């Protein structure tokens, strides 16, 4: 799967679609530094961008998509046995995580950082 993310909501839609399909793989986003969101059996497992990982990395990826728009992405299937299941840095449901990301982005838009 490849395409372009033009807003915060397009990334939300893509993540919800991937989690709903029970996929295992990597979502690569072309922002100003390497950004990858890992999925394992339809769950968000791990995210990295630059030196950040976990929820902080996911917030940064959403922020970059929201600010810049037109971010290209590519989803790469990964065989279950090759998935970094032991590298979990995200341990909450996708719904709760997306809510937290929304709150954090609101702070950033207003110039306040948590």
Protein backbone atom coordinates (compact mmCIF):
# COMPACT_ATOMS: atom_id res chain seq x y z
CA UNK A 1 0.00 0.00 0.00
CA UNK A 2 1.35 3.41 -0.96
CA UNK A 3 -0.08 6.90 -1.08
CA UNK A 4 -0.05 10.42 0.27
CA UNK A 5 -1.21 11.70 3.63
CA UNK A 6 -2.62 15.20 3.36
CA UNK A 7 -3.95 15.74 6.88
CA UNK A 8 -4.13 14.47 10.43
CA UNK A 9 -7.40 12.72 9.55
CA UNK A 10 -5.92 10.83 6.60
CA UNK A 11 -3.32 9.30 8.94
CA UNK A 12 -6.04 8.43 11.47
CA UNK A 13 -8.05 6.74 8.69
CA UNK A 14 -5.01 4.81 7.49
CA UNK A 15 -4.10 3.59 10.98
CA UNK A 16 -7.68 2.54 11.71
CA UNK A 17 -7.82 0.72 8.38
CA UNK A 18 -4.58 -1.16 9.07
CA UNK A 19 -5.56 -2.11 12.62
CA UNK A 20 -8.94 -3.28 11.34
CA UNK A 21 -7.27 -5.60 8.83
CA UNK A 22 -5.21 -7.42 11.48
CA UNK A 23 -1.96 -6.69 9.60
CA UNK A 24 1.64 -7.20 10.60
CA UNK A 25 4.08 -4.80 9.01
CA UNK A 26 5.71 -1.40 8.88
CA UNK A 27 4.21 1.92 7.85
CA UNK A 28 7.00 4.19 6.57
CA UNK A 29 6.24 7.93 6.40
CA UNK A 30 8.47 10.28 4.43
CA UNK A 31 8.85 13.21 6.83
CA UNK A 32 12.07 15.12 7.54
CA UNK A 33 13.63 12.02 9.18
CA UNK A 34 13.00 8.26 9.11
CA UNK A 35 9.57 7.53 10.58
CA UNK A 36 8.10 4.06 11.01
CA UNK A 37 4.97 2.76 12.73
CA UNK A 38 5.01 -0.98 13.43
CA UNK A 39 1.88 -3.13 13.52
CA UNK A 40 1.60 -6.65 14.88
CA UNK A 41 -1.60 -8.62 14.31
CA UNK A 42 -3.54 -5.40 13.83
CA UNK A 43 -2.23 -3.65 16.92
CA UNK A 44 0.05 -0.64 17.09
CA UNK A 45 3.24 -2.08 18.49
CA UNK A 46 6.01 0.48 18.16
CA UNK A 47 6.81 3.79 16.48
CA UNK A 48 10.09 5.53 15.77
CA UNK A 49 11.06 8.89 14.34
CA UNK A 50 14.61 10.11 14.66
CA UNK A 51 15.68 9.40 18.25
CA UNK A 52 12.11 9.25 19.57
CA UNK A 53 10.10 6.09 20.07
CA UNK A 54 6.69 5.01 21.30
CA UNK A 55 3.89 7.48 21.86
CA UNK A 56 6.23 10.48 21.55
CA UNK A 57 7.29 9.31 18.11
CA UNK A 58 3.69 8.78 17.05
CA UNK A 59 2.77 12.31 18.17
CA UNK A 60 5.70 13.70 16.15
CA UNK A 61 4.64 11.77 13.04
CA UNK A 62 1.08 13.07 13.35
CA UNK A 63 2.39 16.59 13.93
CA UNK A 64 4.56 16.51 10.81
CA UNK A 65 1.67 15.20 8.70
CA UNK A 66 -0.64 17.85 10.16
CA UNK A 67 1.79 20.74 9.58
CA UNK A 68 3.27 19.75 6.24
CA UNK A 69 0.61 17.64 4.53
CA UNK A 70 1.36 15.76 1.31
CA UNK A 71 3.50 13.20 3.14
CA UNK A 72 4.10 10.03 1.17
CA UNK A 73 3.77 6.68 2.90
CA UNK A 74 4.37 3.03 2.14
CA UNK A 75 3.11 0.03 4.08
CA UNK A 76 5.33 -3.04 3.94
CA UNK A 77 4.04 -6.44 5.06
CA UNK A 78 6.38 -8.22 7.41
CA UNK A 79 6.18 -11.97 8.04
CA UNK A 80 4.96 -12.75 11.57
CA UNK A 81 8.22 -14.45 12.45
CA UNK A 82 10.19 -11.32 11.45
CA UNK A 83 7.98 -8.83 13.32
CA UNK A 84 9.63 -7.09 16.28
CA UNK A 85 7.01 -8.31 18.78
CA UNK A 86 9.47 -7.90 21.65
CA UNK A 87 10.04 -4.25 20.73
CA UNK A 88 6.75 -2.95 22.11
CA UNK A 89 6.78 0.75 23.01
CA UNK A 90 3.02 1.32 22.65
CA UNK A 91 0.85 -0.56 25.08
CA UNK A 92 -2.58 1.07 24.91
CA UNK A 93 -5.52 0.68 22.56
CA UNK A 94 -5.47 2.52 19.26
CA UNK A 95 -8.55 4.51 20.28
CA UNK A 96 -6.96 5.78 23.51
CA UNK A 97 -3.71 6.47 21.71
CA UNK A 98 -5.39 8.49 18.96
CA UNK A 99 -7.22 10.50 21.63
CA UNK A 100 -3.91 11.25 23.39
CA UNK A 101 -2.31 12.24 20.08
CA UNK A 102 -5.23 14.61 19.37
CA UNK A 103 -4.83 16.29 22.77
CA UNK A 104 -1.07 16.65 22.35
CA UNK A 105 -1.44 18.11 18.85
CA UNK A 106 -3.94 20.63 20.21
CA UNK A 107 -1.33 21.75 22.77
CA UNK A 108 1.29 22.05 20.06
CA UNK A 109 -1.00 24.08 17.80
CA UNK A 110 -1.59 26.50 20.66
CA UNK A 111 2.15 26.80 21.33
CA UNK A 112 2.13 24.85 24.59
CA UNK A 113 4.09 21.67 24.97
CA UNK A 114 3.38 19.06 27.58
